[in-house]
PDB file of N, CA and C in Angstrom:
ATOM      1  N   MET A   1     127.378 136.308  80.764  1.00  0.00           N
ATOM      2  CA  MET A   1     128.030 135.118  80.656  1.00  0.00           C
ATOM      3  C   MET A   1     127.515 133.800  81.636  1.00  0.00           C
ATOM      4  N   LYS A   2     127.865 134.196  83.044  1.00  0.00           N
ATOM      5  CA  LYS A   2     126.744 133.560  83.702  1.00  0.00           C
ATOM      6  C   LYS A   2     125.559 133.118  83.864  1.00  0.00           C
ATOM      7  N   LYS A   3     124.890 134.224  83.298  1.00  0.00           N
ATOM      8  CA  LYS A   3     122.940 133.756  83.222  1.00  0.00           C
ATOM      9  C   LYS A   3     123.553 132.676  82.030  1.00  0.00           C
ATOM     10  N   LEU A   4     123.864 132.314  81.361  1.00  0.00           N
ATOM     11  CA  LEU A   4     124.390 131.789  79.807  1.00  0.00           C
ATOM     12  C   LEU A   4     124.489 130.524  80.154  1.00  0.00           C
ATOM     13  N   PHE A   5     125.021 130.383  81.098  1.00  0.00           N
ATOM     14  CA  PHE A   5     125.345 128.796  81.557  1.00  0.00           C
ATOM     15  C   PHE A   5     124.838 128.413  82.557  1.00  0.00           C
ATOM     16  N   ASN A   6     123.849 128.815  83.296  1.00  0.00           N
ATOM     17  CA  ASN A   6     123.486 128.607  84.601  1.00  0.00           C
ATOM     18  C   ASN A   6     121.759 128.154  84.290  1.00  0.00           C
ATOM     19  N   ILE A   7     121.881 126.829  84.729  1.00  0.00           N
ATOM     20  CA  ILE A   7     120.500 126.042  84.357  1.00  0.00           C
ATOM     21  C   ILE A   7     120.281 125.247  85.528  1.00  0.00           C
ATOM     22  N   THR A   8     118.991 125.035  85.560  1.00  0.00           N
ATOM     23  CA  THR A   8     118.944 124.320  87.043  1.00  0.00           C
ATOM     24  C   THR A   8     118.592 122.736  86.855  1.00  0.00           C
ATOM     25  N   CYS A   9     118.863 121.886  87.633  1.00  0.00           N
ATOM     26  CA  CYS A   9     118.794 120.748  87.846  1.00  0.00           C
ATOM     27  C   CYS A   9     117.621 119.932  87.069  1.00  0.00           C
ATOM     28  N   LYS A  10     116.575 120.829  87.134  1.00  0.00           N
ATOM     29  CA  LYS A  10     115.005 120.259  86.401  1.00  0.00           C
ATOM     30  C   LYS A  10     115.738 119.974  84.526  1.00  0.00           C
ATOM     31  N   HIS A  11     116.145 121.046  84.380  1.00  0.00           N
ATOM     32  CA  HIS A  11     116.322 121.528  82.733  1.00  0.00           C
ATOM     33  C   HIS A  11     117.608 120.577  82.680  1.00  0.00           C
ATOM     34  N   THR A  12     118.397 120.655  83.671  1.00  0.00           N
ATOM     35  CA  THR A  12     119.881 119.118  83.088  1.00  0.00           C
ATOM     36  C   THR A  12     119.330 118.041  83.048  1.00  0.00           C
ATOM     37  N   THR A  13     118.526 117.278  83.679  1.00  0.00           N
ATOM     38  CA  THR A  13     117.844 115.887  83.690  1.00  0.00           C
ATOM     39  C   THR A  13     117.050 115.549  82.703  1.00  0.00           C
ATOM     40  N   TYR A  14     116.473 116.943  82.119  1.00  0.00           N
ATOM     41  CA  TYR A  14     115.924 117.019  80.520  1.00  0.00           C
ATOM     42  C   TYR A  14     116.934 116.578  79.552  1.00  0.00           C
ATOM     43  N   LEU A  15     118.049 117.743  79.701  1.00  0.00           N
ATOM     44  CA  LEU A  15     118.869 117.371  78.692  1.00  0.00           C
ATOM     45  C   LEU A  15     119.500 116.205  78.474  1.00  0.00           C
ATOM     46  N   ILE A  16     119.584 115.350  79.328  1.00  0.00           N
ATOM     47  CA  ILE A  16     120.534 114.059  79.695  1.00  0.00           C
ATOM     48  C   ILE A  16     119.029 113.154  78.999  1.00  0.00           C
ATOM     49  N   SER A  17     118.136 113.498  79.500  1.00  0.00           N
ATOM     50  CA  SER A  17     117.098 112.725  78.643  1.00  0.00           C
ATOM     51  C   SER A  17     116.785 112.538  77.098  1.00  0.00           C
ATOM     52  N   LYS A  18     117.090 113.921  76.533  1.00  0.00           N
ATOM     53  CA  LYS A  18     116.988 114.339  75.175  1.00  0.00           C
ATOM     54  C   LYS A  18     118.127 113.426  74.715  1.00  0.00           C
ATOM     55  N   LYS A  19     119.556 113.924  75.325  1.00  0.00           N
ATOM     56  CA  LYS A  19     120.676 113.551  74.662  1.00  0.00           C
ATOM     57  C   LYS A  19     120.730 112.019  74.374  1.00  0.00           C
ATOM     58  N   GLU A  20     120.197 110.783  75.167  1.00  0.00           N
ATOM     59  CA  GLU A  20     119.538 109.672  75.581  1.00  0.00           C
ATOM     60  C   GLU A  20     118.803 109.184  73.909  1.00  0.00           C
ATOM     61  N   ASP A  21     118.169 110.230  73.367  1.00  0.00           N
ATOM     62  CA  ASP A  21     117.319 109.719  72.237  1.00  0.00           C
ATOM     63  C   ASP A  21     117.717 110.469  71.154  1.00  0.00           C
ATOM     64  N   ARG A  22     118.705 111.776  71.333  1.00  0.00           N
ATOM     65  CA  ARG A  22     118.540 112.105  70.034  1.00  0.00           C
ATOM     66  C   ARG A  22     120.066 112.902  70.366  1.00  0.00           C
ATOM     67  N   LYS A  23     120.557 113.857  69.384  1.00  0.00           N
ATOM     68  CA  LYS A  23     121.826 115.268  69.647  1.00  0.00           C
ATOM     69  C   LYS A  23     121.301 116.006  69.984  1.00  0.00           C
ATOM     70  N   ILE A  24     121.748 116.883  70.686  1.00  0.00           N
ATOM     71  CA  ILE A  24     121.353 118.039  71.422  1.00  0.00           C
ATOM     72  C   ILE A  24     122.518 118.948  70.445  1.00  0.00           C
ATOM     73  N   ARG A  25     121.657 120.561  70.950  1.00  0.00           N
ATOM     74  CA  ARG A  25     122.940 121.329  70.481  1.00  0.00           C
ATOM     75  C   ARG A  25     123.949 121.630  71.153  1.00  0.00           C
ATOM     76  N   LEU A  26     124.939 122.467  70.123  1.00  0.00           N
ATOM     77  CA  LEU A  26     126.250 122.477  71.401  1.00  0.00           C
ATOM     78  C   LEU A  26     125.826 123.603  72.308  1.00  0.00           C
ATOM     79  N   ILE A  27     125.125 124.422  72.391  1.00  0.00           N
ATOM     80  CA  ILE A  27     124.908 124.950  73.396  1.00  0.00           C
ATOM     81  C   ILE A  27     124.511 124.521  74.638  1.00  0.00           C
ATOM     82  N   ASP A  28     123.709 123.758  74.369  1.00  0.00           N
ATOM     83  CA  ASP A  28     123.149 122.551  75.494  1.00  0.00           C
ATOM     84  C   ASP A  28     123.894 121.500  76.045  1.00  0.00           C
ATOM     85  N   ARG A  29     124.605 120.803  74.896  1.00  0.00           N
ATOM     86  CA  ARG A  29     125.679 120.589  75.285  1.00  0.00           C
ATOM     87  C   ARG A  29     126.954 121.051  76.770  1.00  0.00           C
ATOM     88  N   LEU A  30     127.174 122.434  76.383  1.00  0.00           N
ATOM     89  CA  LEU A  30     128.162 122.955  77.096  1.00  0.00           C
ATOM     90  C   LEU A  30     127.627 123.121  78.559  1.00  0.00           C
ATOM     91  N   LYS A  31     125.792 123.523  78.486  1.00  0.00           N
ATOM     92  CA  LYS A  31     125.305 124.081  79.773  1.00  0.00           C
ATOM     93  C   LYS A  31     125.166 122.736  80.390  1.00  0.00           C
ATOM     94  N   LEU A  32     125.292 121.522  79.731  1.00  0.00           N
ATOM     95  CA  LEU A  32     125.279 120.459  80.633  1.00  0.00           C
ATOM     96  C   LEU A  32     126.258 119.742  81.096  1.00  0.00           C
ATOM     97  N   GLN A  33     127.509 119.863  80.547  1.00  0.00           N
ATOM     98  CA  GLN A  33     128.591 120.066  81.133  1.00  0.00           C
ATOM     99  C   GLN A  33     128.888 120.396  82.104  1.00  0.00           C
ATOM    100  N   MET A  34     128.710 121.972  81.940  1.00  0.00           N
ATOM    101  CA  MET A  34     129.176 123.292  82.789  1.00  0.00           C
ATOM    102  C   MET A  34     128.114 122.804  83.964  1.00  0.00           C
ATOM    103  N   HIS A  35     127.409 122.022  83.975  1.00  0.00           N
ATOM    104  CA  HIS A  35     126.198 121.904  85.152  1.00  0.00           C
ATOM    105  C   HIS A  35     126.820 120.643  86.301  1.00  0.00           C
ATOM    106  N   LEU A  36     126.875 119.845  85.222  1.00  0.00           N
ATOM    107  CA  LEU A  36     127.615 118.571  85.595  1.00  0.00           C
ATOM    108  C   LEU A  36     129.246 118.320  86.259  1.00  0.00           C
ATOM    109  N   GLY A  37     129.576 118.931  86.063  1.00  0.00           N
ATOM    110  CA  GLY A  37     130.695 119.336  86.901  1.00  0.00           C
ATOM    111  C   GLY A  37     130.431 120.164  88.224  1.00  0.00           C
ATOM    112  N   ILE A  38     129.826 120.742  88.386  1.00  0.00           N
ATOM    113  CA  ILE A  38     129.916 121.151  90.219  1.00  0.00           C
ATOM    114  C   ILE A  38     128.136 120.762  90.312  1.00  0.00           C
ATOM    115  N   CYS A  39     127.364 119.584  90.178  1.00  0.00           N
ATOM    116  CA  CYS A  39     126.293 119.003  90.697  1.00  0.00           C
ATOM    117  C   CYS A  39     126.532 117.746  90.587  1.00  0.00           C
ATOM    118  N   SER A  40     126.938 116.681  91.873  1.00  0.00           N
ATOM    119  CA  SER A  40     126.781 115.757  92.230  1.00  0.00           C
ATOM    120  C   SER A  40     125.466 114.944  91.636  1.00  0.00           C
ATOM    121  N   ALA A  41     124.442 115.682  91.878  1.00  0.00           N
ATOM    122  CA  ALA A  41     122.750 115.050  92.052  1.00  0.00           C
ATOM    123  C   ALA A  41     122.574 114.692  90.477  1.00  0.00           C
ATOM    124  N   CYS A  42     122.838 115.824  89.812  1.00  0.00           N
ATOM    125  CA  CYS A  42     122.540 115.081  88.415  1.00  0.00           C
ATOM    126  C   CYS A  42     123.723 114.444  87.780  1.00  0.00           C
ATOM    127  N   LYS A  43     124.870 114.288  88.540  1.00  0.00           N
ATOM    128  CA  LYS A  43     125.847 113.478  87.487  1.00  0.00           C
ATOM    129  C   LYS A  43     125.231 112.115  87.683  1.00  0.00           C
ATOM    130  N   LEU A  44     124.844 111.692  89.255  1.00  0.00           N
ATOM    131  CA  LEU A  44     124.226 110.533  89.354  1.00  0.00           C
ATOM    132  C   LEU A  44     122.810 109.850  88.462  1.00  0.00           C
ATOM    133  N   PHE A  45     122.121 110.957  87.990  1.00  0.00           N
ATOM    134  CA  PHE A  45     120.810 111.002  87.436  1.00  0.00           C
ATOM    135  C   PHE A  45     121.371 110.324  86.205  1.00  0.00           C
ATOM    136  N   GLU A  46     122.634 110.812  85.568  1.00  0.00           N
ATOM    137  CA  GLU A  46     123.113 110.946  84.003  1.00  0.00           C
ATOM    138  C   GLU A  46     123.521 109.056  84.293  1.00  0.00           C
ATOM    139  N   ASN A  47     124.388 109.022  85.255  1.00  0.00           N
ATOM    140  CA  ASN A  47     124.812 107.661  85.380  1.00  0.00           C
ATOM    141  C   ASN A  47     124.024 106.982  85.346  1.00  0.00           C
ATOM    142  N   GLN A  48     122.580 106.745  86.338  1.00  0.00           N
ATOM    143  CA  GLN A  48     121.806 105.847  86.915  1.00  0.00           C
ATOM    144  C   GLN A  48     120.989 105.953  85.244  1.00  0.00           C
ATOM    145  N   SER A  49     120.525 107.113  84.546  1.00  0.00           N
ATOM    146  CA  SER A  49     119.867 107.032  83.048  1.00  0.00           C
ATOM    147  C   SER A  49     121.091 106.082  82.358  1.00  0.00           C
ATOM    148  N   TRP A  50     121.978 106.345  82.122  1.00  0.00           N
ATOM    149  CA  TRP A  50     122.504 105.466  80.965  1.00  0.00           C
ATOM    150  C   TRP A  50     122.574 103.870  81.557  1.00  0.00           C
ATOM    151  N   PHE A  51     122.484 103.579  83.129  1.00  0.00           N
ATOM    152  CA  PHE A  51     122.534 102.148  83.056  1.00  0.00           C
ATOM    153  C   PHE A  51     121.378 101.527  82.936  1.00  0.00           C
ATOM    154  N   ILE A  52     120.048 102.204  82.980  1.00  0.00           N
ATOM    155  CA  ILE A  52     118.738 101.458  82.913  1.00  0.00           C
ATOM    156  C   ILE A  52     118.556 101.342  81.550  1.00  0.00           C
ATOM    157  N   LYS A  53     119.299 102.338  80.704  1.00  0.00           N
ATOM    158  CA  LYS A  53     119.063 102.310  79.191  1.00  0.00           C
ATOM    159  C   LYS A  53     120.073 101.328  78.694  1.00  0.00           C
ATOM    160  N   LEU A  54     120.942 101.031  78.985  1.00  0.00           N
ATOM    161  CA  LEU A  54     121.955  99.879  78.917  1.00  0.00           C
ATOM    162  C   LEU A  54     121.307  98.559  79.250  1.00  0.00           C
ATOM    163  N   ASN A  55     120.942  98.384  80.062  1.00  0.00           N
ATOM    164  CA  ASN A  55     120.489  97.281  80.658  1.00  0.00           C
ATOM    165  C   ASN A  55     119.178  96.936  80.004  1.00  0.00           C
ATOM    166  N   ALA A  56     117.876  97.855  79.843  1.00  0.00           N
ATOM    167  CA  ALA A  56     116.753  97.631  78.939  1.00  0.00           C
ATOM    168  C   ALA A  56     117.421  97.463  77.435  1.00  0.00           C
ATOM    169  N   LYS A  57     117.822  97.859  77.235  1.00  0.00           N
ATOM    170  CA  LYS A  57     118.688  97.529  75.791  1.00  0.00           C
ATOM    171  C   LYS A  57     119.060  96.222  75.972  1.00  0.00           C
ATOM    172  N   GLN A  58     119.779  95.665  76.798  1.00  0.00           N
ATOM    173  CA  GLN A  58     120.168  94.130  76.702  1.00  0.00           C
ATOM    174  C   GLN A  58     119.315  93.146  77.088  1.00  0.00           C
ATOM    175  N   SER A  59     118.161  93.415  77.798  1.00  0.00           N
ATOM    176  CA  SER A  59     117.334  92.419  78.249  1.00  0.00           C
ATOM    177  C   SER A  59     116.366  92.492  77.020  1.00  0.00           C
ATOM    178  N   HIS A  60     115.877  93.934  76.308  1.00  0.00           N
ATOM    179  CA  HIS A  60     115.138  93.474  75.099  1.00  0.00           C
ATOM    180  C   HIS A  60     115.857  92.619  73.774  1.00  0.00           C
ATOM    181  N   GLU A  61     117.052  92.475  73.882  1.00  0.00           N
ATOM    182  CA  GLU A  61     117.373  91.645  73.087  1.00  0.00           C
ATOM    183  C   GLU A  61     117.364  90.437  73.153  1.00  0.00           C
ATOM    184  N   HIS A  62     117.447  89.759  74.506  1.00  0.00           N
ATOM    185  CA  HIS A  62     116.965  88.511  74.373  1.00  0.00           C
ATOM    186  C   HIS A  62     115.814  87.914  74.628  1.00  0.00           C
ATOM    187  N   ILE A  63     114.681  88.551  74.416  1.00  0.00           N
ATOM    188  CA  ILE A  63     113.239  88.465  74.921  1.00  0.00           C
ATOM    189  C   ILE A  63     113.097  87.582  73.446  1.00  0.00           C
ATOM    190  N   THR A  64     112.662  86.748  73.316  1.00  0.00           N
ATOM    191  CA  THR A  64     112.668  85.829  72.059  1.00  0.00           C
ATOM    192  C   THR A  64     110.626  85.416  72.123  1.00  0.00           C
ATOM    193  N   ALA A  65     110.021  85.661  73.561  1.00  0.00           N
ATOM    194  CA  ALA A  65     108.599  85.362  73.669  1.00  0.00           C
ATOM    195  C   ALA A  65     107.997  85.703  72.491  1.00  0.00           C
ATOM    196  N   SER A  66     106.466  84.638  72.118  1.00  0.00           N
ATOM    197  CA  SER A  66     105.706  84.904  71.516  1.00  0.00           C
ATOM    198  C   SER A  66     104.644  84.215  71.742  1.00  0.00           C
ATOM    199  N   LEU A  67     103.323  84.731  71.011  1.00  0.00           N
ATOM    200  CA  LEU A  67     102.324  83.824  71.480  1.00  0.00           C
ATOM    201  C   LEU A  67     101.865  82.531  71.043  1.00  0.00           C
ATOM    202  N   SER A  68     101.600  81.775  71.028  1.00  0.00           N
ATOM    203  CA  SER A  68     101.200  80.238  70.405  1.00  0.00           C
ATOM    204  C   SER A  68      99.888  80.883  69.361  1.00  0.00           C
ATOM    205  N   SER A  69      99.813  79.647  68.672  1.00  0.00           N
ATOM    206  CA  SER A  69      98.993  79.634  67.422  1.00  0.00           C
ATOM    207  C   SER A  69      97.638  79.911  68.253  1.00  0.00           C
ATOM    208  N   GLU A  70      97.152  79.261  68.951  1.00  0.00           N
ATOM    209  CA  GLU A  70      95.838  79.141  69.657  1.00  0.00           C
ATOM    210  C   GLU A  70      95.733  80.320  70.755  1.00  0.00           C
ATOM    211  N   ALA A  71      96.705  80.845  71.633  1.00  0.00           N
ATOM    212  CA  ALA A  71      96.716  82.368  71.959  1.00  0.00           C
ATOM    213  C   ALA A  71      96.023  83.455  70.889  1.00  0.00           C
ATOM    214  N   LYS A  72      96.914  83.509  69.767  1.00  0.00           N
ATOM    215  CA  LYS A  72      96.414  84.446  68.421  1.00  0.00           C
ATOM    216  C   LYS A  72      94.989  83.964  67.695  1.00  0.00           C
ATOM    217  N   GLU A  73      94.496  83.066  67.708  1.00  0.00           N
ATOM    218  CA  GLU A  73      93.128  82.596  67.151  1.00  0.00           C
ATOM    219  C   GLU A  73      92.391  83.452  68.450  1.00  0.00           C
ATOM    220  N   LYS A  74      92.480  82.867  69.466  1.00  0.00           N
ATOM    221  CA  LYS A  74      91.606  83.531  70.528  1.00  0.00           C
ATOM    222  C   LYS A  74      91.270  85.043  70.710  1.00  0.00           C
ATOM    223  N   ILE A  75      92.514  85.567  70.192  1.00  0.00           N
ATOM    224  CA  ILE A  75      92.593  86.952  70.494  1.00  0.00           C
ATOM    225  C   ILE A  75      91.833  87.360  69.117  1.00  0.00           C
ATOM    226  N   GLU A  76      91.923  87.189  67.960  1.00  0.00           N
ATOM    227  CA  GLU A  76      91.298  87.030  66.777  1.00  0.00           C
ATOM    228  C   GLU A  76      89.713  86.746  67.071  1.00  0.00           C
ATOM    229  N   ILE A  77      89.424  86.206  67.559  1.00  0.00           N
ATOM    230  CA  ILE A  77      88.108  85.789  67.730  1.00  0.00           C
ATOM    231  C   ILE A  77      87.120  86.823  68.573  1.00  0.00           C
ATOM    232  N   ALA A  78      88.184  87.134  69.637  1.00  0.00           N
ATOM    233  CA  ALA A  78      87.330  88.317  70.693  1.00  0.00           C
ATOM    234  C   ALA A  78      87.817  89.388  69.719  1.00  0.00           C
ATOM    235  N   LEU A  79      88.069  89.803  69.106  1.00  0.00           N
ATOM    236  CA  LEU A  79      88.333  91.250  68.199  1.00  0.00           C
ATOM    237  C   LEU A  79      86.899  91.332  67.281  1.00  0.00           C
ATOM    238  N   LYS A  80      86.683  90.345  66.645  1.00  0.00           N
ATOM    239  CA  LYS A  80      85.532  90.033  65.687  1.00  0.00           C
ATOM    240  C   LYS A  80      84.584  90.366  66.640  1.00  0.00           C
ATOM    241  N   ASN A  81      84.272  89.808  67.703  1.00  0.00           N
ATOM    242  CA  ASN A  81      83.505  89.689  68.388  1.00  0.00           C
ATOM    243  C   ASN A  81      83.010  90.720  69.092  1.00  0.00           C
ATOM    244  N   ALA A  82      84.283  91.686  69.503  1.00  0.00           N
ATOM    245  CA  ALA A  82      83.919  92.924  69.658  1.00  0.00           C
ATOM    246  C   ALA A  82      83.236  93.789  69.169  1.00  0.00           C
ATOM    247  N   GLN A  83      83.764  93.524  67.490  1.00  0.00           N
ATOM    248  CA  GLN A  83      82.827  94.754  66.836  1.00  0.00           C
ATOM    249  C   GLN A  83      81.501  94.523  66.612  1.00  0.00           C
TER     250      GLN A  83
END
């Protein structure tokens, strides 16, 4: 049983990152929770990952920048000339 839930910090950080993108298996969620219960460094990593993801998403939603028509034309001309 001990071997079943014994995972490294490296594997834990992998699971934390994977969990942010998609659902992870039940056994992996259990392993993750067990490790996070005893490892403050991995818990800190999880909190920092969540903070970065939240702020990146919020800042991305507020970006409305786009290229001017002139800049787009210059890029099109450069691409045509490169061919």
